[in-house]
Amino acid sequence: MSQNRKPEKKTIEVEADGVRLDKYLAAYPIGLTRAHLQKLIEEGCIRVNGQVSRPAAKLRYHDSIEIVIPPAEPAQIAAEDIPFEVIYEDIDLAVINKPAGLTVYPAPGHPRHTLVNAMLKRFPDLSTFGDSPRPGIVHRLDKDTSGLMVIARNEKARLNLIEQFKSRSVIKRYLVLVKGKIVPQRGAIDAPIGRDPADRKRMAVISRGRQARTDYNVKQYIDGYSLLEVRIQTGRTHQIRVHLSAIGYPVLGDPVYGFKSKLLNRQFLHAHYLEIRLPGSGQMRSFSCALPDDLSNVLASMQKR
């Protein structure tokens, strides 16, 4: 990995009123402890509306928090032999089928046993470019979501893929099982998503959120549930789970926005289709992968009933 590490910069728009700066940031999922945040505030690395602030400073709606996190000493990311399926690979990228239960990249408190550790074992060349603990990562799936991801294998491909995601030319489709008979059979959920003011670790549909659109198509009605194929037009955090819950059709097995189930120990959410333009040739390619056993067994059980 490159040793010329740069400070990490983040900008957060405040979605609360009257909350202390340190408390607001401690509840915000940026992977920093409250003690670390207070230290950054005291060192002038955190500013509110461009001004150095105290930990106890009270925030207002739409305040802008600027955070500069000095680079830590570079840590070697260990390659680990964790199984996953490679759908396609060339010199520029790999398309893989991420298993459920696998976090995508290392983070404070979780430095090992991630997809990145597994990718470094399978593709050692990932360690030759980039200066972050996320080599090759251009998008992500939640820990308990399975399915297709594309991984860049060099810097030129990484920039190309990032631009494809930014321009929304990448097509991503998911299979989702929700409670209830959703009607109409085809529809779109167009509603802004932001941090839940009542719980900073959750997302919610809020008027001050970022624009988000989710299209769905019913594949099958099964025993009081709906199997959907979903395409996201935007890539907001937890978008599918938040949108479907907001219209009254929570995702099976989702303990945060949906409901727990004896049938499944994770959310029924699988990224089964991906369409991208290959950075090298410019050719459009599509990839698909079937439901994993845990999800297909749930469907089989419901269909028997």
C-alpha atoms as a PDB file:
ATOM      1  CA  MET A   1       0.000   0.000   0.000  1.00  0.00           C
ATOM      2  CA  SER A   2       1.180   3.561  -0.676  1.00  0.00           C
ATOM      3  CA  GLN A   3       2.860   5.319   2.263  1.00  0.00           C
ATOM      4  CA  ASN A   4       1.802   8.810   1.117  1.00  0.00           C
ATOM      5  CA  ARG A   5      -1.333   8.780   3.177  1.00  0.00           C
ATOM      6  CA  LYS A   6      -3.479  11.900   3.227  1.00  0.00           C
ATOM      7  CA  PRO A   7      -5.841  13.192   5.916  1.00  0.00           C
ATOM      8  CA  GLU A   8      -9.378  11.907   5.587  1.00  0.00           C
ATOM      9  CA  LYS A   9     -11.942  14.676   5.153  1.00  0.00           C
ATOM     10  CA  LYS A  10     -15.649  14.467   5.905  1.00  0.00           C
ATOM     11  CA  THR A  11     -18.446  17.032   5.709  1.00  0.00           C
ATOM     12  CA  ILE A  12     -21.691  16.457   7.610  1.00  0.00           C
ATOM     13  CA  GLU A  13     -24.874  18.501   7.367  1.00  0.00           C
ATOM     14  CA  VAL A  14     -26.539  18.723  10.768  1.00  0.00           C
ATOM     15  CA  GLU A  15     -30.060  17.308  11.001  1.00  0.00           C
ATOM     16  CA  ALA A  16     -30.845  18.226  14.609  1.00  0.00           C
ATOM     17  CA  ASP A  17     -31.220  21.312  16.774  1.00  0.00           C
ATOM     18  CA  GLY A  18     -29.659  22.140  20.134  1.00  0.00           C
ATOM     19  CA  VAL A  19     -27.459  19.039  20.398  1.00  0.00           C
ATOM     20  CA  ARG A  20     -23.872  19.268  21.664  1.00  0.00           C
ATOM     21  CA  LEU A  21     -21.236  18.908  18.973  1.00  0.00           C
ATOM     22  CA  ASP A  22     -19.414  16.002  20.671  1.00  0.00           C
ATOM     23  CA  LYS A  23     -22.653  14.123  21.423  1.00  0.00           C
ATOM     24  CA  TYR A  24     -23.921  14.576  17.865  1.00  0.00           C
ATOM     25  CA  LEU A  25     -20.701  13.248  16.351  1.00  0.00           C
ATOM     26  CA  ALA A  26     -20.412  10.386  18.853  1.00  0.00           C
ATOM     27  CA  ALA A  27     -23.823   9.125  17.703  1.00  0.00           C
ATOM     28  CA  TYR A  28     -22.947   9.608  14.027  1.00  0.00           C
ATOM     29  CA  PRO A  29     -21.591   6.389  12.445  1.00  0.00           C
ATOM     30  CA  ILE A  30     -18.133   7.595  11.395  1.00  0.00           C
ATOM     31  CA  GLY A  31     -16.188   5.016  13.397  1.00  0.00           C
ATOM     32  CA  LEU A  32     -14.614   7.389  15.950  1.00  0.00           C
ATOM     33  CA  THR A  33     -14.907   7.224  19.726  1.00  0.00           C
ATOM     34  CA  ARG A  34     -16.132  10.224  21.702  1.00  0.00           C
ATOM     35  CA  ALA A  35     -12.667  10.631  23.249  1.00  0.00           C
ATOM     36  CA  HIS A  36     -11.067  10.683  19.797  1.00  0.00           C
ATOM     37  CA  LEU A  37     -13.638  13.208  18.588  1.00  0.00           C
ATOM     38  CA  GLN A  38     -13.025  15.487  21.569  1.00  0.00           C
ATOM     39  CA  LYS A  39      -9.296  15.335  20.864  1.00  0.00           C
ATOM     40  CA  LEU A  40      -9.882  16.295  17.232  1.00  0.00           C
ATOM     41  CA  ILE A  41     -12.117  19.191  18.317  1.00  0.00           C
ATOM     42  CA  GLU A  42      -9.478  20.457  20.755  1.00  0.00           C
ATOM     43  CA  GLU A  43      -6.819  20.255  18.033  1.00  0.00           C
ATOM     44  CA  GLY A  44      -8.964  22.327  15.652  1.00  0.00           C
ATOM     45  CA  CYS A  45      -9.550  19.428  13.270  1.00  0.00           C
ATOM     46  CA  ILE A  46     -13.327  19.788  13.536  1.00  0.00           C
ATOM     47  CA  ARG A  47     -15.004  23.032  12.535  1.00  0.00           C
ATOM     48  CA  VAL A  48     -18.622  24.138  12.459  1.00  0.00           C
ATOM     49  CA  ASN A  49     -19.484  26.476   9.597  1.00  0.00           C
ATOM     50  CA  GLY A  50     -15.759  27.051   9.120  1.00  0.00           C
ATOM     51  CA  GLN A  51     -15.110  28.031  12.739  1.00  0.00           C
ATOM     52  CA  VAL A  52     -13.202  26.137  15.430  1.00  0.00           C
ATOM     53  CA  SER A  53     -15.730  25.017  18.049  1.00  0.00           C
ATOM     54  CA  ARG A  54     -15.844  23.612  21.567  1.00  0.00           C
ATOM     55  CA  PRO A  55     -17.080  20.071  22.350  1.00  0.00           C
ATOM     56  CA  ALA A  56     -20.100  21.558  24.142  1.00  0.00           C
ATOM     57  CA  ALA A  57     -21.053  23.903  21.269  1.00  0.00           C
ATOM     58  CA  LYS A  58     -24.760  23.629  20.417  1.00  0.00           C
ATOM     59  CA  LEU A  59     -25.638  22.778  16.840  1.00  0.00           C
ATOM     60  CA  ARG A  60     -28.474  24.029  14.648  1.00  0.00           C
ATOM     61  CA  TYR A  61     -30.222  22.551  11.632  1.00  0.00           C
ATOM     62  CA  HIS A  62     -28.138  22.776   8.418  1.00  0.00           C
ATOM     63  CA  ASP A  63     -24.909  23.638  10.238  1.00  0.00           C
ATOM     64  CA  SER A  64     -21.949  22.245   8.309  1.00  0.00           C
ATOM     65  CA  ILE A  65     -19.433  20.167  10.259  1.00  0.00           C
ATOM     66  CA  GLU A  66     -16.039  19.763   8.626  1.00  0.00           C
ATOM     67  CA  ILE A  67     -13.837  16.964   9.968  1.00  0.00           C
ATOM     68  CA  VAL A  68     -10.182  16.416   9.092  1.00  0.00           C
ATOM     69  CA  ILE A  69      -8.868  13.114  10.435  1.00  0.00           C
ATOM     70  CA  PRO A  70      -5.058  12.961  10.412  1.00  0.00           C
ATOM     71  CA  PRO A  71      -3.740   9.744   8.873  1.00  0.00           C
ATOM     72  CA  ALA A  72      -2.947   6.987  11.308  1.00  0.00           C
ATOM     73  CA  GLU A  73       0.228   5.006  11.049  1.00  0.00           C
ATOM     74  CA  PRO A  74      -0.258   2.690   8.083  1.00  0.00           C
ATOM     75  CA  ALA A  75      -1.305  -0.772   9.170  1.00  0.00           C
ATOM     76  CA  GLN A  76      -0.768  -3.861   7.106  1.00  0.00           C
ATOM     77  CA  ILE A  77      -4.062  -5.439   6.083  1.00  0.00           C
ATOM     78  CA  ALA A  78      -3.692  -9.178   6.460  1.00  0.00           C
ATOM     79  CA  ALA A  79      -4.661 -11.479   3.626  1.00  0.00           C
ATOM     80  CA  GLU A  80      -7.073 -14.130   4.895  1.00  0.00           C
ATOM     81  CA  ASP A  81      -8.350 -17.327   3.343  1.00  0.00           C
ATOM     82  CA  ILE A  82     -12.090 -16.577   3.454  1.00  0.00           C
ATOM     83  CA  PRO A  83     -14.187 -18.314   0.791  1.00  0.00           C
ATOM     84  CA  PHE A  84     -16.199 -16.354  -1.761  1.00  0.00           C
ATOM     85  CA  GLU A  85     -17.237 -16.926  -5.357  1.00  0.00           C
ATOM     86  CA  VAL A  86     -15.586 -15.115  -8.283  1.00  0.00           C
ATOM     87  CA  ILE A  87     -18.127 -14.622 -11.080  1.00  0.00           C
ATOM     88  CA  TYR A  88     -15.775 -12.899 -13.542  1.00  0.00           C
ATOM     89  CA  GLU A  89     -12.277 -11.445 -13.604  1.00  0.00           C
ATOM     90  CA  ASP A  90      -9.935  -9.662 -15.973  1.00  0.00           C
ATOM     91  CA  ILE A  91      -6.874  -7.437 -15.528  1.00  0.00           C
ATOM     92  CA  ASP A  92      -9.044  -4.462 -14.503  1.00  0.00           C
ATOM     93  CA  LEU A  93     -11.716  -5.844 -12.207  1.00  0.00           C
ATOM     94  CA  ALA A  94     -13.342  -8.782 -10.500  1.00  0.00           C
ATOM     95  CA  VAL A  95     -17.057  -9.407 -10.066  1.00  0.00           C
ATOM     96  CA  ILE A  96     -17.681 -11.453  -6.932  1.00  0.00           C
ATOM     97  CA  ASN A  97     -20.588 -12.944  -5.026  1.00  0.00           C
ATOM     98  CA  LYS A  98     -20.280 -11.651  -1.462  1.00  0.00           C
ATOM     99  CA  PRO A  99     -21.616 -14.053   1.156  1.00  0.00           C
ATOM    100  CA  ALA A 100     -23.924 -12.767   3.866  1.00  0.00           C
ATOM    101  CA  GLY A 101     -22.285 -12.073   7.220  1.00  0.00           C
ATOM    102  CA  LEU A 102     -19.103 -10.642   5.700  1.00  0.00           C
ATOM    103  CA  THR A 103     -18.290  -6.965   6.290  1.00  0.00           C
ATOM    104  CA  VAL A 104     -16.850  -5.312   3.192  1.00  0.00           C
ATOM    105  CA  TYR A 105     -13.807  -3.480   4.592  1.00  0.00           C
ATOM    106  CA  PRO A 106     -11.852  -3.077   7.850  1.00  0.00           C
ATOM    107  CA  ALA A 107     -12.926  -0.388  10.301  1.00  0.00           C
ATOM    108  CA  PRO A 108     -11.977   0.622  13.850  1.00  0.00           C
ATOM    109  CA  GLY A 109     -12.791  -2.309  16.086  1.00  0.00           C
ATOM    110  CA  HIS A 110     -13.108  -4.673  13.128  1.00  0.00           C
ATOM    111  CA  PRO A 111      -9.684  -4.891  11.450  1.00  0.00           C
ATOM    112  CA  ARG A 112      -9.918  -8.481  10.207  1.00  0.00           C
ATOM    113  CA  HIS A 113     -12.248 -11.069   8.689  1.00  0.00           C
ATOM    114  CA  THR A 114     -13.628  -8.730   5.988  1.00  0.00           C
ATOM    115  CA  LEU A 115     -14.087  -8.993   2.242  1.00  0.00           C
ATOM    116  CA  VAL A 116     -10.958  -6.872   1.750  1.00  0.00           C
ATOM    117  CA  ASN A 117      -8.901  -9.400   3.745  1.00  0.00           C
ATOM    118  CA  ALA A 118     -10.344 -12.162   1.578  1.00  0.00           C
ATOM    119  CA  MET A 119      -9.743 -10.231  -1.656  1.00  0.00           C
ATOM    120  CA  LEU A 120      -6.079  -9.637  -0.787  1.00  0.00           C
ATOM    121  CA  LYS A 121      -5.619 -13.386  -0.485  1.00  0.00           C
ATOM    122  CA  ARG A 122      -7.320 -14.081  -3.810  1.00  0.00           C
ATOM    123  CA  PHE A 123      -5.933 -11.015  -5.655  1.00  0.00           C
ATOM    124  CA  PRO A 124      -2.569  -9.949  -4.119  1.00  0.00           C
ATOM    125  CA  ASP A 125      -2.231  -7.200  -6.749  1.00  0.00           C
ATOM    126  CA  LEU A 126      -4.843  -5.153  -4.853  1.00  0.00           C
ATOM    127  CA  SER A 127      -2.127  -4.243  -2.342  1.00  0.00           C
ATOM    128  CA  THR A 128      -0.073  -2.461  -5.016  1.00  0.00           C
ATOM    129  CA  PHE A 129      -2.277   0.609  -5.438  1.00  0.00           C
ATOM    130  CA  GLY A 130      -4.256   3.038  -3.319  1.00  0.00           C
ATOM    131  CA  ASP A 131      -3.615   4.463   0.146  1.00  0.00           C
ATOM    132  CA  SER A 132      -6.713   3.423   2.081  1.00  0.00           C
ATOM    133  CA  PRO A 133      -7.886   0.351   3.986  1.00  0.00           C
ATOM    134  CA  ARG A 134     -10.413  -0.164   1.170  1.00  0.00           C
ATOM    135  CA  PRO A 135      -8.260  -1.238  -1.797  1.00  0.00           C
ATOM    136  CA  GLY A 136     -10.337  -1.761  -4.912  1.00  0.00           C
ATOM    137  CA  ILE A 137     -13.658  -1.022  -3.226  1.00  0.00           C
ATOM    138  CA  VAL A 138     -15.906   1.232  -5.350  1.00  0.00           C
ATOM    139  CA  HIS A 139     -19.263   0.380  -3.763  1.00  0.00           C
ATOM    140  CA  ARG A 140     -20.490  -1.766  -0.905  1.00  0.00           C
ATOM    141  CA  LEU A 141     -23.167  -4.093   0.399  1.00  0.00           C
ATOM    142  CA  ASP A 142     -24.328  -4.274   3.997  1.00  0.00           C
ATOM    143  CA  LYS A 143     -22.773  -7.035   6.095  1.00  0.00           C
ATOM    144  CA  ASP A 144     -25.917  -9.196   5.992  1.00  0.00           C
ATOM    145  CA  THR A 145     -26.720  -8.560   2.318  1.00  0.00           C
ATOM    146  CA  SER A 146     -25.396 -11.132  -0.136  1.00  0.00           C
ATOM    147  CA  GLY A 147     -24.694 -10.839  -3.828  1.00  0.00           C
ATOM    148  CA  LEU A 148     -22.761  -9.169  -6.608  1.00  0.00           C
ATOM    149  CA  MET A 149     -20.016  -6.608  -6.123  1.00  0.00           C
ATOM    150  CA  VAL A 150     -17.410  -5.285  -8.539  1.00  0.00           C
ATOM    151  CA  ILE A 151     -13.840  -4.761  -7.319  1.00  0.00           C
ATOM    152  CA  ALA A 152     -11.256  -2.608  -9.138  1.00  0.00           C
ATOM    153  CA  ARG A 153      -7.813  -4.160  -9.654  1.00  0.00           C
ATOM    154  CA  ASN A 154      -5.868  -1.033 -10.649  1.00  0.00           C
ATOM    155  CA  GLU A 155      -6.167   2.717 -10.185  1.00  0.00           C
ATOM    156  CA  LYS A 156      -7.337   3.482 -13.722  1.00  0.00           C
ATOM    157  CA  ALA A 157     -10.147   0.946 -13.414  1.00  0.00           C
ATOM    158  CA  ARG A 158     -11.048   2.249  -9.951  1.00  0.00           C
ATOM    159  CA  LEU A 159     -11.538   5.793 -11.236  1.00  0.00           C
ATOM    160  CA  ASN A 160     -13.499   4.522 -14.238  1.00  0.00           C
ATOM    161  CA  LEU A 161     -15.866   2.477 -12.069  1.00  0.00           C
ATOM    162  CA  ILE A 162     -16.339   5.303  -9.570  1.00  0.00           C
ATOM    163  CA  GLU A 163     -17.404   7.550 -12.444  1.00  0.00           C
ATOM    164  CA  GLN A 164     -19.874   4.911 -13.666  1.00  0.00           C
ATOM    165  CA  PHE A 165     -21.480   4.746 -10.231  1.00  0.00           C
ATOM    166  CA  LYS A 166     -21.459   8.534  -9.935  1.00  0.00           C
ATOM    167  CA  SER A 167     -23.212   8.944 -13.294  1.00  0.00           C
ATOM    168  CA  ARG A 168     -25.737   6.234 -12.317  1.00  0.00           C
ATOM    169  CA  SER A 169     -25.018   4.209 -15.435  1.00  0.00           C
ATOM    170  CA  VAL A 170     -24.468   1.043 -13.369  1.00  0.00           C
ATOM    171  CA  ILE A 171     -27.595  -1.122 -13.108  1.00  0.00           C
ATOM    172  CA  LYS A 172     -28.058  -2.956  -9.797  1.00  0.00           C
ATOM    173  CA  ARG A 173     -31.022  -5.203  -9.075  1.00  0.00           C
ATOM    174  CA  TYR A 174     -31.884  -7.034  -5.875  1.00  0.00           C
ATOM    175  CA  LEU A 175     -34.266  -9.794  -4.842  1.00  0.00           C
ATOM    176  CA  VAL A 176     -36.160  -8.872  -1.676  1.00  0.00           C
ATOM    177  CA  LEU A 177     -38.885 -10.594   0.331  1.00  0.00           C
ATOM    178  CA  VAL A 178     -41.253  -8.260   2.181  1.00  0.00           C
ATOM    179  CA  LYS A 179     -44.219  -8.828   4.443  1.00  0.00           C
ATOM    180  CA  GLY A 180     -47.601  -8.082   2.859  1.00  0.00           C
ATOM    181  CA  LYS A 181     -49.092  -8.116  -0.628  1.00  0.00           C
ATOM    182  CA  ILE A 182     -47.634  -5.002  -2.190  1.00  0.00           C
ATOM    183  CA  VAL A 183     -49.793  -3.253  -4.795  1.00  0.00           C
ATOM    184  CA  PRO A 184     -49.522  -2.139  -7.503  1.00  0.00           C
ATOM    185  CA  GLN A 185     -47.254  -4.880  -8.836  1.00  0.00           C
ATOM    186  CA  ARG A 186     -44.899  -2.293 -10.322  1.00  0.00           C
ATOM    187  CA  GLY A 187     -44.056   0.972  -8.675  1.00  0.00           C
ATOM    188  CA  ALA A 188     -41.456   3.473  -7.536  1.00  0.00           C
ATOM    189  CA  ILE A 189     -40.648   4.915  -4.134  1.00  0.00           C
ATOM    190  CA  ASP A 190     -39.262   8.426  -4.506  1.00  0.00           C
ATOM    191  CA  ALA A 191     -38.578   9.821  -1.044  1.00  0.00           C
ATOM    192  CA  PRO A 192     -35.566  11.583   0.531  1.00  0.00           C
ATOM    193  CA  ILE A 193     -33.437   9.623   3.002  1.00  0.00           C
ATOM    194  CA  GLY A 194     -31.330  11.018   5.848  1.00  0.00           C
ATOM    195  CA  ARG A 195     -30.229  10.274   9.393  1.00  0.00           C
ATOM    196  CA  ASP A 196     -33.116   9.517  11.728  1.00  0.00           C
ATOM    197  CA  PRO A 197     -33.275  12.526  14.110  1.00  0.00           C
ATOM    198  CA  ALA A 198     -34.406  10.194  16.907  1.00  0.00           C
ATOM    199  CA  ASP A 199     -31.626   7.620  16.360  1.00  0.00           C
ATOM    200  CA  ARG A 200     -28.419   8.643  14.606  1.00  0.00           C
ATOM    201  CA  LYS A 201     -27.507   5.030  13.823  1.00  0.00           C
ATOM    202  CA  ARG A 202     -30.620   4.585  11.678  1.00  0.00           C
ATOM    203  CA  MET A 203     -31.728   6.115   8.410  1.00  0.00           C
ATOM    204  CA  ALA A 204     -35.241   7.383   7.723  1.00  0.00           C
ATOM    205  CA  VAL A 205     -37.408   9.095   5.137  1.00  0.00           C
ATOM    206  CA  ILE A 206     -37.159  12.764   6.145  1.00  0.00           C
ATOM    207  CA  SER A 207     -37.867  15.986   4.304  1.00  0.00           C
ATOM    208  CA  ARG A 208     -34.298  17.227   4.786  1.00  0.00           C
ATOM    209  CA  GLY A 209     -32.781  14.009   3.425  1.00  0.00           C
ATOM    210  CA  ARG A 210     -31.040  13.327   0.111  1.00  0.00           C
ATOM    211  CA  GLN A 211     -33.089  12.425  -2.946  1.00  0.00           C
ATOM    212  CA  ALA A 212     -33.564   8.667  -3.312  1.00  0.00           C
ATOM    213  CA  ARG A 213     -35.540   6.473  -5.701  1.00  0.00           C
ATOM    214  CA  THR A 214     -36.278   2.762  -5.579  1.00  0.00           C
ATOM    215  CA  ASP A 215     -38.162   0.917  -8.365  1.00  0.00           C
ATOM    216  CA  TYR A 216     -39.782  -2.440  -7.647  1.00  0.00           C
ATOM    217  CA  ASN A 217     -41.497  -5.231  -9.563  1.00  0.00           C
ATOM    218  CA  VAL A 218     -43.422  -8.072  -7.896  1.00  0.00           C
ATOM    219  CA  LYS A 219     -42.041 -11.447  -8.958  1.00  0.00           C
ATOM    220  CA  GLN A 220     -44.379 -13.566  -6.853  1.00  0.00           C
ATOM    221  CA  TYR A 221     -46.920 -13.396  -4.025  1.00  0.00           C
ATOM    222  CA  ILE A 222     -46.221 -16.124  -1.455  1.00  0.00           C
ATOM    223  CA  ASP A 223     -48.230 -16.837   1.698  1.00  0.00           C
ATOM    224  CA  GLY A 224     -48.817 -13.213   2.672  1.00  0.00           C
ATOM    225  CA  TYR A 225     -45.427 -12.027   1.428  1.00  0.00           C
ATOM    226  CA  SER A 226     -44.177 -10.411  -1.779  1.00  0.00           C
ATOM    227  CA  LEU A 227     -40.994 -11.420  -3.581  1.00  0.00           C
ATOM    228  CA  LEU A 228     -39.701  -8.300  -5.335  1.00  0.00           C
ATOM    229  CA  GLU A 229     -37.045  -7.447  -7.846  1.00  0.00           C
ATOM    230  CA  VAL A 230     -35.793  -4.004  -6.879  1.00  0.00           C
ATOM    231  CA  ARG A 231     -33.623  -1.545  -8.772  1.00  0.00           C
ATOM    232  CA  ILE A 232     -32.089   1.372  -6.933  1.00  0.00           C
ATOM    233  CA  GLN A 233     -31.607   4.557  -8.928  1.00  0.00           C
ATOM    234  CA  THR A 234     -29.566   6.088  -6.098  1.00  0.00           C
ATOM    235  CA  GLY A 235     -27.268   4.505  -3.543  1.00  0.00           C
ATOM    236  CA  ARG A 236     -28.269   5.847  -0.142  1.00  0.00           C
ATOM    237  CA  THR A 237     -27.371   3.978   3.027  1.00  0.00           C
ATOM    238  CA  HIS A 238     -29.896   1.179   3.734  1.00  0.00           C
ATOM    239  CA  GLN A 239     -32.041   2.586   0.913  1.00  0.00           C
ATOM    240  CA  ILE A 240     -34.073  -0.507   0.011  1.00  0.00           C
ATOM    241  CA  ARG A 241     -34.808  -1.441   3.617  1.00  0.00           C
ATOM    242  CA  VAL A 242     -35.754   2.129   4.573  1.00  0.00           C
ATOM    243  CA  HIS A 243     -37.978   2.762   1.546  1.00  0.00           C
ATOM    244  CA  LEU A 244     -39.902  -0.512   1.764  1.00  0.00           C
ATOM    245  CA  SER A 245     -40.421  -0.121   5.499  1.00  0.00           C
ATOM    246  CA  ALA A 246     -41.630   3.459   4.976  1.00  0.00           C
ATOM    247  CA  ILE A 247     -44.478   2.311   2.692  1.00  0.00           C
ATOM    248  CA  GLY A 248     -45.510  -0.482   5.058  1.00  0.00           C
ATOM    249  CA  TYR A 249     -43.768  -3.518   3.532  1.00  0.00           C
ATOM    250  CA  PRO A 250     -40.810  -4.361   5.815  1.00  0.00           C
ATOM    251  CA  VAL A 251     -38.069  -6.744   4.719  1.00  0.00           C
ATOM    252  CA  LEU A 252     -38.187 -10.234   6.222  1.00  0.00           C
ATOM    253  CA  GLY A 253     -35.422 -10.823   8.767  1.00  0.00           C
ATOM    254  CA  ASP A 254     -34.346  -7.161   9.008  1.00  0.00           C
ATOM    255  CA  PRO A 255     -34.070  -6.361  12.753  1.00  0.00           C
ATOM    256  CA  VAL A 256     -33.544  -2.622  12.192  1.00  0.00           C
ATOM    257  CA  TYR A 257     -36.268  -1.531   9.750  1.00  0.00           C
ATOM    258  CA  GLY A 258     -38.243  -4.737   9.326  1.00  0.00           C
ATOM    259  CA  PHE A 259     -38.809  -7.648  11.680  1.00  0.00           C
ATOM    260  CA  LYS A 260     -36.982 -10.704  12.969  1.00  0.00           C
ATOM    261  CA  SER A 261     -38.044 -14.103  11.723  1.00  0.00           C
ATOM    262  CA  LYS A 262     -37.583 -17.687  12.881  1.00  0.00           C
ATOM    263  CA  LEU A 263     -37.129 -18.585   9.216  1.00  0.00           C
ATOM    264  CA  LEU A 264     -34.005 -16.488   8.678  1.00  0.00           C
ATOM    265  CA  ASN A 265     -31.224 -14.955  10.775  1.00  0.00           C
ATOM    266  CA  ARG A 266     -30.535 -12.043   8.394  1.00  0.00           C
ATOM    267  CA  GLN A 267     -32.456  -9.784   6.033  1.00  0.00           C
ATOM    268  CA  PHE A 268     -33.840 -11.325   2.847  1.00  0.00           C
ATOM    269  CA  LEU A 269     -31.866  -9.087   0.497  1.00  0.00           C
ATOM    270  CA  HIS A 270     -29.673 -10.348  -2.342  1.00  0.00           C
ATOM    271  CA  ALA A 271     -27.926  -8.364  -5.098  1.00  0.00           C
ATOM    272  CA  HIS A 272     -28.605 -10.746  -7.977  1.00  0.00           C
ATOM    273  CA  TYR A 273     -27.926  -8.603 -11.097  1.00  0.00           C
ATOM    274  CA  LEU A 274     -25.190  -6.137 -12.028  1.00  0.00           C
ATOM    275  CA  GLU A 275     -24.566  -4.371 -15.343  1.00  0.00           C
ATOM    276  CA  ILE A 276     -21.412  -2.331 -15.901  1.00  0.00           C
ATOM    277  CA  ARG A 277     -19.150  -1.138 -18.700  1.00  0.00           C
ATOM    278  CA  LEU A 278     -15.781  -2.912 -18.682  1.00  0.00           C
ATOM    279  CA  PRO A 279     -13.067  -0.247 -18.180  1.00  0.00           C
ATOM    280  CA  GLY A 280     -10.666  -1.872 -20.637  1.00  0.00           C
ATOM    281  CA  SER A 281     -12.879  -2.521 -23.669  1.00  0.00           C
ATOM    282  CA  GLY A 282     -15.827  -0.232 -22.962  1.00  0.00           C
ATOM    283  CA  GLN A 283     -18.147  -3.202 -23.535  1.00  0.00           C
ATOM    284  CA  MET A 284     -21.355  -3.408 -21.485  1.00  0.00           C
ATOM    285  CA  ARG A 285     -21.501  -6.641 -19.501  1.00  0.00           C
ATOM    286  CA  SER A 286     -24.202  -8.058 -17.266  1.00  0.00           C
ATOM    287  CA  PHE A 287     -23.747 -10.553 -14.449  1.00  0.00           C
ATOM    288  CA  SER A 288     -26.197 -12.494 -12.310  1.00  0.00           C
ATOM    289  CA  CYS A 289     -26.120 -14.926  -9.403  1.00  0.00           C
ATOM    290  CA  ALA A 290     -28.827 -17.122  -7.928  1.00  0.00           C
ATOM    291  CA  LEU A 291     -30.243 -16.857  -4.423  1.00  0.00           C
ATOM    292  CA  PRO A 292     -28.002 -18.473  -1.793  1.00  0.00           C
ATOM    293  CA  ASP A 293     -29.278 -21.556   0.005  1.00  0.00           C
ATOM    294  CA  ASP A 294     -30.565 -19.778   3.117  1.00  0.00           C
ATOM    295  CA  LEU A 295     -32.852 -17.519   1.057  1.00  0.00           C
ATOM    296  CA  SER A 296     -33.985 -20.144  -1.436  1.00  0.00           C
ATOM    297  CA  ASN A 297     -34.840 -22.472   1.469  1.00  0.00           C
ATOM    298  CA  VAL A 298     -37.107 -19.781   2.961  1.00  0.00           C
ATOM    299  CA  LEU A 299     -38.978 -19.491  -0.337  1.00  0.00           C
ATOM    300  CA  ALA A 300     -39.289 -23.262  -0.636  1.00  0.00           C
ATOM    301  CA  SER A 301     -40.684 -23.479   2.907  1.00  0.00           C
ATOM    302  CA  MET A 302     -43.264 -20.776   2.220  1.00  0.00           C
ATOM    303  CA  GLN A 303     -44.318 -22.293  -1.103  1.00  0.00           C
ATOM    304  CA  LYS A 304     -44.984 -25.669   0.585  1.00  0.00           C
ATOM    305  CA  ARG A 305     -47.430 -23.947   2.902  1.00  0.00           C
END
